[in-house]
C-alpha atoms as a PDB file:
ATOM      1  CA  MET A   1      -3.651 -47.354  -9.050  1.00  0.00           C
ATOM      2  CA  SER A   2      -5.441 -44.210 -10.300  1.00  0.00           C
ATOM      3  CA  GLN A   3      -4.371 -41.828 -13.033  1.00  0.00           C
ATOM      4  CA  MET A   4      -4.851 -38.847 -10.706  1.00  0.00           C
ATOM      5  CA  ASN A   5      -2.315 -40.400  -8.322  1.00  0.00           C
ATOM      6  CA  SER A   6       0.270 -40.439 -11.111  1.00  0.00           C
ATOM      7  CA  GLU A   7      -0.301 -36.763 -11.904  1.00  0.00           C
ATOM      8  CA  GLN A   8      -0.037 -35.733  -8.269  1.00  0.00           C
ATOM      9  CA  TYR A   9       3.134 -37.836  -7.838  1.00  0.00           C
ATOM     10  CA  ARG A  10       4.800 -35.994 -10.790  1.00  0.00           C
ATOM     11  CA  GLU A  11       3.675 -32.633  -9.478  1.00  0.00           C
ATOM     12  CA  GLU A  12       4.999 -33.362  -6.016  1.00  0.00           C
ATOM     13  CA  LYS A  13       8.374 -34.431  -7.439  1.00  0.00           C
ATOM     14  CA  ARG A  14       8.555 -31.253  -9.533  1.00  0.00           C
ATOM     15  CA  ARG A  15       7.582 -29.111  -6.504  1.00  0.00           C
ATOM     16  CA  ALA A  16      10.318 -30.795  -4.431  1.00  0.00           C
ATOM     17  CA  ILE A  17      12.912 -29.824  -7.044  1.00  0.00           C
ATOM     18  CA  THR A  18      11.668 -26.225  -7.158  1.00  0.00           C
ATOM     19  CA  THR A  19      11.723 -25.981  -3.373  1.00  0.00           C
ATOM     20  CA  LYS A  20      15.220 -27.447  -3.220  1.00  0.00           C
ATOM     21  CA  ASN A  21      16.411 -25.031  -5.886  1.00  0.00           C
ATOM     22  CA  LYS A  22      15.036 -22.119  -3.932  1.00  0.00           C
END
């Protein structure tokens, strides 16, 4: 797919972990 999609996918996963930790 696109490279931007990969970056957003990693950012969303990292945001999910931060939200879960909070």
